[in-house]
C-alpha atoms as a PDB file:
ATOM      1  CA  MET A   1       2.257  68.241  24.213  1.00  0.00           C
ATOM      2  CA  HIS A   2       5.543  66.786  25.386  1.00  0.00           C
ATOM      3  CA  LEU A   3       3.746  64.789  27.677  1.00  0.00           C
ATOM      4  CA  ALA A   4       1.367  63.284  25.545  1.00  0.00           C
ATOM      5  CA  GLY A   5       4.294  62.590  22.786  1.00  0.00           C
ATOM      6  CA  LYS A   6       5.645  61.129  25.684  1.00  0.00           C
ATOM      7  CA  SER A   7       2.975  59.016  26.675  1.00  0.00           C
ATOM      8  CA  ASP A   8       2.305  57.649  22.535  1.00  0.00           C
ATOM      9  CA  SER A   9       5.991  56.828  22.349  1.00  0.00           C
ATOM     10  CA  GLY A  10       5.902  54.844  25.838  1.00  0.00           C
ATOM     11  CA  HIS A  11       2.765  53.641  24.347  1.00  0.00           C
ATOM     12  CA  LEU A  12       4.054  52.306  21.291  1.00  0.00           C
ATOM     13  CA  GLY A  13       7.101  50.818  22.899  1.00  0.00           C
ATOM     14  CA  ARG A  14       5.302  48.987  25.163  1.00  0.00           C
ATOM     15  CA  LYS A  15       2.872  47.280  22.303  1.00  0.00           C
ATOM     16  CA  GLU A  16       5.727  46.404  20.169  1.00  0.00           C
ATOM     17  CA  PRO A  17       6.778  43.199  21.338  1.00  0.00           C
ATOM     18  CA  SER A  18       2.789  42.571  20.929  1.00  0.00           C
ATOM     19  CA  ARG A  19       3.170  43.558  17.453  1.00  0.00           C
ATOM     20  CA  LEU A  20       6.740  41.466  16.797  1.00  0.00           C
ATOM     21  CA  ARG A  21       4.765  38.550  17.645  1.00  0.00           C
ATOM     22  CA  ARG A  22       1.579  38.711  15.851  1.00  0.00           C
ATOM     23  CA  LEU A  23       4.114  39.681  12.728  1.00  0.00           C
ATOM     24  CA  GLY A  24       5.864  35.970  13.695  1.00  0.00           C
ATOM     25  CA  VAL A  25       2.507  34.533  13.901  1.00  0.00           C
ATOM     26  CA  LEU A  26       1.511  35.815  10.495  1.00  0.00           C
ATOM     27  CA  LEU A  27       4.547  34.743   8.765  1.00  0.00           C
ATOM     28  CA  THR A  28       4.562  31.143  10.141  1.00  0.00           C
ATOM     29  CA  VAL A  29       0.856  31.035   8.830  1.00  0.00           C
ATOM     30  CA  ALA A  30       2.159  32.485   5.648  1.00  0.00           C
ATOM     31  CA  LEU A  31       4.799  29.787   5.026  1.00  0.00           C
ATOM     32  CA  LEU A  32       2.629  27.193   6.044  1.00  0.00           C
ATOM     33  CA  VAL A  33       0.259  28.381   3.303  1.00  0.00           C
ATOM     34  CA  SER A  34       3.081  28.785   0.880  1.00  0.00           C
ATOM     35  CA  SER A  35       4.611  25.006   1.834  1.00  0.00           C
ATOM     36  CA  ILE A  36       0.632  23.342   1.495  1.00  0.00           C
ATOM     37  CA  TRP A  37       0.282  25.322  -1.622  1.00  0.00           C
ATOM     38  CA  THR A  38       3.371  24.359  -3.336  1.00  0.00           C
ATOM     39  CA  GLN A  39       2.338  20.661  -2.180  1.00  0.00           C
ATOM     40  CA  SER A  40      -0.976  20.950  -3.885  1.00  0.00           C
ATOM     41  CA  ALA A  41       0.052  22.921  -6.566  1.00  0.00           C
ATOM     42  CA  ALA A  42       1.991  19.758  -7.867  1.00  0.00           C
ATOM     43  CA  GLN A  43      -1.995  18.253  -8.134  1.00  0.00           C
ATOM     44  CA  ASP A  44      -3.729  21.312  -8.921  1.00  0.00           C
ATOM     45  CA  GLU A  45      -1.663  23.216 -11.096  1.00  0.00           C
ATOM     46  CA  LEU A  46       0.549  21.563 -13.226  1.00  0.00           C
ATOM     47  CA  THR A  47       0.100  22.305 -16.592  1.00  0.00           C
ATOM     48  CA  SER A  48       3.528  20.619 -18.303  1.00  0.00           C
ATOM     49  CA  PRO A  49       5.897  18.256 -18.209  1.00  0.00           C
ATOM     50  CA  GLU A  50       8.591  21.027 -16.936  1.00  0.00           C
ATOM     51  CA  GLN A  51       6.614  21.510 -13.659  1.00  0.00           C
ATOM     52  CA  LEU A  52       6.533  17.385 -12.723  1.00  0.00           C
ATOM     53  CA  MET A  53      10.226  17.926 -12.171  1.00  0.00           C
ATOM     54  CA  SER A  54      10.177  21.268 -10.566  1.00  0.00           C
ATOM     55  CA  HIS A  55       7.981  19.272  -7.632  1.00  0.00           C
ATOM     56  CA  GLY A  56      10.811  16.942  -7.430  1.00  0.00           C
ATOM     57  CA  PHE A  57       8.867  13.866  -9.284  1.00  0.00           C
ATOM     58  CA  ASP A  58      11.395  11.424 -11.343  1.00  0.00           C
ATOM     59  CA  CYS A  59       9.170  10.603 -14.320  1.00  0.00           C
ATOM     60  CA  PHE A  60      11.621  12.151 -16.592  1.00  0.00           C
ATOM     61  CA  SER A  61      14.410   9.861 -15.312  1.00  0.00           C
ATOM     62  CA  CYS A  62      12.977   6.725 -17.085  1.00  0.00           C
ATOM     63  CA  HIS A  63      10.409   8.571 -19.637  1.00  0.00           C
ATOM     64  CA  ALA A  64      10.553  11.074 -22.269  1.00  0.00           C
ATOM     65  CA  ILE A  65       7.564  12.431 -24.342  1.00  0.00           C
ATOM     66  CA  ASP A  66       8.403  11.185 -27.614  1.00  0.00           C
ATOM     67  CA  LYS A  67      11.313   8.690 -27.424  1.00  0.00           C
ATOM     68  CA  GLU A  68      12.282   5.649 -25.126  1.00  0.00           C
ATOM     69  CA  ILE A  69      14.819   5.628 -22.250  1.00  0.00           C
ATOM     70  CA  VAL A  70      13.864   3.147 -20.008  1.00  0.00           C
ATOM     71  CA  GLY A  71      10.341   3.231 -20.515  1.00  0.00           C
ATOM     72  CA  PRO A  72       8.541   3.901 -23.106  1.00  0.00           C
ATOM     73  CA  ALA A  73       7.780   7.025 -24.900  1.00  0.00           C
ATOM     74  CA  TRP A  74       4.756   8.586 -23.378  1.00  0.00           C
ATOM     75  CA  ILE A  75       3.356   9.261 -27.260  1.00  0.00           C
ATOM     76  CA  THR A  76       3.739   5.265 -27.572  1.00  0.00           C
ATOM     77  CA  ILE A  77       1.734   4.989 -24.151  1.00  0.00           C
ATOM     78  CA  ALA A  78      -1.025   7.087 -25.604  1.00  0.00           C
ATOM     79  CA  ASP A  79      -0.870   5.416 -28.845  1.00  0.00           C
ATOM     80  CA  ARG A  80      -1.286   2.111 -27.326  1.00  0.00           C
ATOM     81  CA  TYR A  81      -4.415   3.193 -25.185  1.00  0.00           C
ATOM     82  CA  HIS A  82      -5.705   4.980 -27.984  1.00  0.00           C
ATOM     83  CA  HIS A  83      -6.044   8.108 -26.310  1.00  0.00           C
ATOM     84  CA  ASP A  84      -9.236   6.690 -24.930  1.00  0.00           C
ATOM     85  CA  ARG A  85      -9.770   8.545 -21.802  1.00  0.00           C
ATOM     86  CA  ALA A  86     -11.260   6.099 -20.539  1.00  0.00           C
ATOM     87  CA  LYS A  87      -8.271   4.453 -19.620  1.00  0.00           C
ATOM     88  CA  VAL A  88      -7.665   7.160 -17.206  1.00  0.00           C
ATOM     89  CA  PRO A  89      -7.915   4.994 -14.040  1.00  0.00           C
ATOM     90  CA  LEU A  90      -6.484   1.922 -15.243  1.00  0.00           C
ATOM     91  CA  LEU A  91      -3.023   4.133 -16.515  1.00  0.00           C
ATOM     92  CA  ALA A  92      -3.376   6.080 -13.320  1.00  0.00           C
ATOM     93  CA  ALA A  93      -3.352   2.506 -11.364  1.00  0.00           C
ATOM     94  CA  LYS A  94      -0.415   1.797 -13.040  1.00  0.00           C
ATOM     95  CA  ILE A  95       1.357   4.851 -12.423  1.00  0.00           C
ATOM     96  CA  ARG A  96       0.645   4.395  -8.841  1.00  0.00           C
ATOM     97  CA  ASP A  97       0.886   0.718  -8.068  1.00  0.00           C
ATOM     98  CA  GLY A  98       3.305  -0.367 -10.739  1.00  0.00           C
ATOM     99  CA  SER A  99       3.604  -2.675 -13.895  1.00  0.00           C
ATOM    100  CA  VAL A 100       5.436  -5.079 -16.034  1.00  0.00           C
ATOM    101  CA  GLY A 101       4.806  -6.817 -19.236  1.00  0.00           C
ATOM    102  CA  ASP A 102       2.740  -3.927 -21.189  1.00  0.00           C
ATOM    103  CA  PHE A 103       6.086  -2.923 -22.717  1.00  0.00           C
ATOM    104  CA  GLY A 104       8.612  -4.835 -22.071  1.00  0.00           C
ATOM    105  CA  LYS A 105      10.343  -6.818 -19.578  1.00  0.00           C
ATOM    106  CA  VAL A 106      11.880  -3.906 -17.274  1.00  0.00           C
ATOM    107  CA  PRO A 107       9.213  -3.103 -14.254  1.00  0.00           C
ATOM    108  CA  MET A 108       7.536   0.315 -13.788  1.00  0.00           C
ATOM    109  CA  PRO A 109       7.934   0.711 -10.143  1.00  0.00           C
ATOM    110  CA  ALA A 110       5.421   1.553  -8.159  1.00  0.00           C
ATOM    111  CA  HIS A 111       5.047   5.155  -6.915  1.00  0.00           C
ATOM    112  CA  PRO A 112       2.854   5.116  -3.820  1.00  0.00           C
ATOM    113  CA  ASP A 113       3.481   8.621  -2.818  1.00  0.00           C
ATOM    114  CA  ILE A 114       1.719   9.891  -5.872  1.00  0.00           C
ATOM    115  CA  SER A 115      -1.582  10.544  -4.894  1.00  0.00           C
ATOM    116  CA  GLN A 116      -4.248   9.098  -6.712  1.00  0.00           C
ATOM    117  CA  LYS A 117      -5.386  13.171  -7.789  1.00  0.00           C
ATOM    118  CA  LEU A 118      -2.061  13.218  -9.309  1.00  0.00           C
ATOM    119  CA  ALA A 119      -1.933   9.723 -10.975  1.00  0.00           C
ATOM    120  CA  THR A 120      -5.365  11.064 -12.530  1.00  0.00           C
ATOM    121  CA  TYR A 121      -3.435  14.389 -13.766  1.00  0.00           C
ATOM    122  CA  LEU A 122      -0.779  12.060 -15.434  1.00  0.00           C
ATOM    123  CA  ALA A 123      -2.762   9.495 -17.167  1.00  0.00           C
ATOM    124  CA  ASN A 124      -4.832  12.247 -18.667  1.00  0.00           C
ATOM    125  CA  TYR A 125      -2.175  14.075 -19.510  1.00  0.00           C
ATOM    126  CA  ILE A 126      -0.218  11.295 -21.537  1.00  0.00           C
ATOM    127  CA  LEU A 127      -3.174  10.102 -23.159  1.00  0.00           C
ATOM    128  CA  SER A 128      -4.042  13.805 -24.771  1.00  0.00           C
ATOM    129  CA  LEU A 129      -0.651  13.915 -26.474  1.00  0.00           C
ATOM    130  CA  ASN A 130      -0.028  13.027 -29.932  1.00  0.00           C
ATOM    131  CA  GLY A 131       3.051  12.926 -32.541  1.00  0.00           C
ATOM    132  CA  ALA A 132       5.770  11.027 -33.805  1.00  0.00           C
ATOM    133  CA  LEU A 133       8.888   9.523 -32.185  1.00  0.00           C
ATOM    134  CA  ALA A 134      11.746  11.272 -32.411  1.00  0.00           C
ATOM    135  CA  ARG A 135      14.040  11.145 -35.555  1.00  0.00           C
ATOM    136  CA  PRO A 136      16.922   8.656 -35.641  1.00  0.00           C
ATOM    137  CA  PRO A 137      19.962  10.772 -34.317  1.00  0.00           C
ATOM    138  CA  GLN A 138      22.549  12.288 -37.093  1.00  0.00           C
ATOM    139  CA  LYS A 139      25.642  10.264 -37.547  1.00  0.00           C
ATOM    140  CA  TYR A 140      29.121  11.652 -36.474  1.00  0.00           C
ATOM    141  CA  THR A 141      32.189  10.114 -38.067  1.00  0.00           C
ATOM    142  CA  TYR A 142      35.982  10.496 -36.317  1.00  0.00           C
ATOM    143  CA  LYS A 143      38.764   9.061 -36.308  1.00  0.00           C
ATOM    144  CA  ASP A 144      40.475   7.458 -32.711  1.00  0.00           C
ATOM    145  CA  ALA A 145      43.889   7.477 -31.552  1.00  0.00           C
ATOM    146  CA  ALA A 146      44.802   4.925 -33.893  1.00  0.00           C
ATOM    147  CA  SER A 147      43.216   6.152 -36.616  1.00  0.00           C
ATOM    148  CA  ARG A 148      40.231   3.729 -37.081  1.00  0.00           C
ATOM    149  CA  GLN A 149      36.911   5.234 -38.463  1.00  0.00           C
ATOM    150  CA  VAL A 150      34.321   5.300 -35.808  1.00  0.00           C
ATOM    151  CA  THR A 151      30.705   6.451 -36.131  1.00  0.00           C
ATOM    152  CA  LEU A 152      28.615   7.670 -33.316  1.00  0.00           C
ATOM    153  CA  ASP A 153      24.984   8.652 -33.274  1.00  0.00           C
ATOM    154  CA  PHE A 154      26.040  12.100 -31.232  1.00  0.00           C
ATOM    155  CA  PRO A 155      29.080  14.571 -31.832  1.00  0.00           C
ATOM    156  CA  VAL A 156      32.123  14.551 -29.122  1.00  0.00           C
ATOM    157  CA  PHE A 157      33.888  17.336 -30.679  1.00  0.00           C
ATOM    158  CA  GLU A 158      32.988  20.952 -31.736  1.00  0.00           C
ATOM    159  CA  ASP A 159      35.041  23.883 -32.949  1.00  0.00           C
ATOM    160  CA  TYR A 160      35.183  26.695 -30.856  1.00  0.00           C
ATOM    161  CA  HIS A 161      36.922  30.124 -31.955  1.00  0.00           C
ATOM    162  CA  GLY A 162      38.969  27.838 -34.045  1.00  0.00           C
ATOM    163  CA  HIS A 163      39.928  25.021 -31.519  1.00  0.00           C
ATOM    164  CA  GLN A 164      38.436  21.572 -31.337  1.00  0.00           C
ATOM    165  CA  VAL A 165      36.756  21.017 -28.163  1.00  0.00           C
ATOM    166  CA  VAL A 166      34.124  18.390 -26.479  1.00  0.00           C
ATOM    167  CA  THR A 167      30.372  19.463 -26.860  1.00  0.00           C
ATOM    168  CA  LYS A 168      29.389  20.482 -23.566  1.00  0.00           C
ATOM    169  CA  ASP A 169      27.295  17.524 -22.886  1.00  0.00           C
ATOM    170  CA  VAL A 170      30.432  15.089 -23.515  1.00  0.00           C
ATOM    171  CA  PHE A 171      32.174  17.900 -20.947  1.00  0.00           C
ATOM    172  CA  ALA A 172      29.207  17.660 -18.310  1.00  0.00           C
ATOM    173  CA  GLY A 173      29.432  14.011 -18.665  1.00  0.00           C
ATOM    174  CA  PHE A 174      32.741  13.900 -17.747  1.00  0.00           C
ATOM    175  CA  GLU A 175      32.606  16.289 -14.669  1.00  0.00           C
ATOM    176  CA  LYS A 176      29.448  14.024 -13.557  1.00  0.00           C
ATOM    177  CA  TYR A 177      30.839  10.772 -14.097  1.00  0.00           C
ATOM    178  CA  ASN A 178      34.335  11.886 -12.219  1.00  0.00           C
ATOM    179  CA  SER A 179      32.584  13.668  -9.271  1.00  0.00           C
ATOM    180  CA  TYR A 180      30.013  10.236  -8.942  1.00  0.00           C
ATOM    181  CA  CYS A 181      30.708   7.189 -10.970  1.00  0.00           C
ATOM    182  CA  PHE A 182      34.341   6.687  -9.905  1.00  0.00           C
ATOM    183  CA  ARG A 183      33.646   5.933  -6.794  1.00  0.00           C
ATOM    184  CA  CYS A 184      33.416   2.569  -7.702  1.00  0.00           C
ATOM    185  CA  HIS A 185      33.928   2.631 -11.226  1.00  0.00           C
ATOM    186  CA  GLY A 186      37.639   4.323 -11.534  1.00  0.00           C
ATOM    187  CA  PHE A 187      38.513   7.622 -12.648  1.00  0.00           C
ATOM    188  CA  ASP A 188      38.031   8.085 -16.294  1.00  0.00           C
ATOM    189  CA  ALA A 189      36.178   5.193 -16.630  1.00  0.00           C
ATOM    190  CA  VAL A 190      38.811   2.280 -16.940  1.00  0.00           C
ATOM    191  CA  GLY A 191      37.067   0.736 -14.245  1.00  0.00           C
ATOM    192  CA  GLY A 192      37.262  -0.055 -10.079  1.00  0.00           C
ATOM    193  CA  GLU A 193      38.078  -2.076  -7.557  1.00  0.00           C
ATOM    194  CA  TYR A 194      34.312  -2.431  -6.812  1.00  0.00           C
ATOM    195  CA  ALA A 195      32.611  -2.175 -10.317  1.00  0.00           C
ATOM    196  CA  PRO A 196      34.000  -2.874 -13.754  1.00  0.00           C
ATOM    197  CA  ASP A 197      35.289  -0.973 -16.659  1.00  0.00           C
ATOM    198  CA  LEU A 198      32.331   0.547 -18.089  1.00  0.00           C
ATOM    199  CA  ARG A 199      34.004   1.033 -21.341  1.00  0.00           C
ATOM    200  CA  LYS A 200      34.420  -2.763 -21.526  1.00  0.00           C
ATOM    201  CA  SER A 201      30.682  -3.051 -20.705  1.00  0.00           C
ATOM    202  CA  LEU A 202      29.740  -1.354 -23.978  1.00  0.00           C
ATOM    203  CA  GLU A 203      32.536  -3.031 -25.893  1.00  0.00           C
ATOM    204  CA  ASN A 204      30.628  -6.010 -24.988  1.00  0.00           C
ATOM    205  CA  GLY A 205      27.424  -5.336 -26.160  1.00  0.00           C
ATOM    206  CA  MET A 206      25.780  -3.512 -23.243  1.00  0.00           C
ATOM    207  CA  ASN A 207      23.354  -0.747 -25.674  1.00  0.00           C
ATOM    208  CA  LYS A 208      22.261   2.441 -24.526  1.00  0.00           C
ATOM    209  CA  HIS A 209      18.432   1.013 -23.284  1.00  0.00           C
ATOM    210  CA  GLN A 210      20.674  -1.495 -21.063  1.00  0.00           C
ATOM    211  CA  PHE A 211      22.854   1.355 -19.842  1.00  0.00           C
ATOM    212  CA  PHE A 212      20.087   3.255 -18.770  1.00  0.00           C
ATOM    213  CA  VAL A 213      18.414   0.578 -17.089  1.00  0.00           C
ATOM    214  CA  VAL A 214      20.996  -0.328 -14.465  1.00  0.00           C
ATOM    215  CA  SER A 215      21.990   2.841 -14.196  1.00  0.00           C
ATOM    216  CA  MET A 216      18.509   4.162 -13.447  1.00  0.00           C
ATOM    217  CA  GLU A 217      16.986   1.152 -11.382  1.00  0.00           C
ATOM    218  CA  GLY A 218      20.324   0.134 -10.187  1.00  0.00           C
ATOM    219  CA  ARG A 219      21.721  -3.628  -8.858  1.00  0.00           C
ATOM    220  CA  PRO A 220      21.013  -3.986  -5.240  1.00  0.00           C
ATOM    221  CA  ALA A 221      22.395  -7.582  -5.055  1.00  0.00           C
ATOM    222  CA  LYS A 222      25.627  -6.044  -6.162  1.00  0.00           C
ATOM    223  CA  GLY A 223      26.028  -2.914  -4.051  1.00  0.00           C
ATOM    224  CA  MET A 224      25.528  -0.900  -7.165  1.00  0.00           C
ATOM    225  CA  PRO A 225      22.511   2.445  -6.252  1.00  0.00           C
ATOM    226  CA  GLY A 226      19.931   3.198  -8.317  1.00  0.00           C
ATOM    227  CA  TRP A 227      20.257   6.900  -9.801  1.00  0.00           C
ATOM    228  CA  ALA A 228      16.675   7.771 -10.714  1.00  0.00           C
ATOM    229  CA  GLY A 229      15.537  10.846  -9.155  1.00  0.00           C
ATOM    230  CA  PHE A 230      18.839  11.792  -8.694  1.00  0.00           C
ATOM    231  CA  PHE A 231      19.421  12.049 -12.485  1.00  0.00           C
ATOM    232  CA  ASP A 232      17.251  12.631 -15.189  1.00  0.00           C
ATOM    233  CA  ALA A 233      17.665  11.200 -18.110  1.00  0.00           C
ATOM    234  CA  ASP A 234      19.667  14.172 -19.761  1.00  0.00           C
ATOM    235  CA  GLU A 235      22.136  14.041 -17.466  1.00  0.00           C
ATOM    236  CA  LEU A 236      22.393  10.503 -17.548  1.00  0.00           C
ATOM    237  CA  ASN A 237      22.605  10.802 -21.575  1.00  0.00           C
ATOM    238  CA  GLN A 238      25.750  12.925 -20.797  1.00  0.00           C
ATOM    239  CA  ILE A 239      27.566  10.438 -18.702  1.00  0.00           C
ATOM    240  CA  TYR A 240      26.351   7.759 -21.299  1.00  0.00           C
ATOM    241  CA  GLU A 241      28.247  10.008 -24.011  1.00  0.00           C
ATOM    242  CA  TYR A 242      31.171  10.097 -22.103  1.00  0.00           C
ATOM    243  CA  ILE A 243      31.771   6.634 -21.349  1.00  0.00           C
ATOM    244  CA  VAL A 244      31.168   5.788 -25.512  1.00  0.00           C
ATOM    245  CA  ALA A 245      33.587   8.516 -26.018  1.00  0.00           C
ATOM    246  CA  ARG A 246      36.372   6.959 -24.093  1.00  0.00           C
ATOM    247  CA  ALA A 247      35.307   3.572 -25.166  1.00  0.00           C
ATOM    248  CA  ALA A 248      35.829   4.350 -28.755  1.00  0.00           C
ATOM    249  CA  ASN A 249      38.942   5.736 -27.992  1.00  0.00           C
ATOM    250  CA  LEU A 250      38.131   9.319 -28.623  1.00  0.00           C
ATOM    251  CA  LEU A 251      39.383  11.076 -25.678  1.00  0.00           C
ATOM    252  CA  PRO A 252      42.469  10.007 -23.540  1.00  0.00           C
ATOM    253  CA  PRO A 253      42.098   9.995 -19.690  1.00  0.00           C
ATOM    254  CA  GLY A 254      42.153  13.307 -17.813  1.00  0.00           C
ATOM    255  CA  ARG A 255      40.138  15.995 -18.440  1.00  0.00           C
ATOM    256  CA  PRO A 256      39.138  16.854 -21.905  1.00  0.00           C
ATOM    257  CA  PRO A 257      38.969  20.240 -23.641  1.00  0.00           C
ATOM    258  CA  SER A 258      36.064  22.464 -23.135  1.00  0.00           C
ATOM    259  CA  ARG A 259      35.071  25.892 -23.854  1.00  0.00           C
ATOM    260  CA  SER A 260      36.051  27.139 -20.530  1.00  0.00           C
ATOM    261  CA  ASP A 261      40.088  26.597 -21.521  1.00  0.00           C
END
């Protein structure tokens, strides 16, 4: 019995490297299959807009379902094509090849990395959408540092345990601006050596749509990068709200009061 046990133990010991090698191969195959599935899932398993973002697509940098951002709302596109599934190949081609002129002068960039199968899925999804565009936002009125009345279409402040602090979105906009935009536009949106004072850009007539177009597409000739694919529309909107609050003289330079104080 003792000899048999020793023999079995030695036998298992000699087989262990081989088993480990096989296990390593199996793990490698499993990871490869998982990777392939993850990529194919973007084409075969997508059932919601949120899944698009999770697979790295930048559609929602420029589009939303029920409101215009840089490009038209997807509901508007569906209405334009009368929800006609015969238009799927045309719309899929526009997604892959880009287009301009159907919804204004802002070009839709080409997306050759999107497969024909996924473009067809997206076209079908967009044409399936029904509903109304988002309602106009509520108005909020404040007094600036000079006691002048300012009316905005988003809240800047909220009451938090008896203290006035900025909203989560405005504070997030402050953090993002002073993490990325300050390098060219200066801390606290006061303008920098390489790029203009964005407060003055808004005061001089730049509207929200124009802000989004320039921010997402960039201005390559002037050295400004496009942020589409890095920021989604909600994140860029946070930055916009922070800059508007600064332009309206509602926030002084520096870190605004927040819930974390």
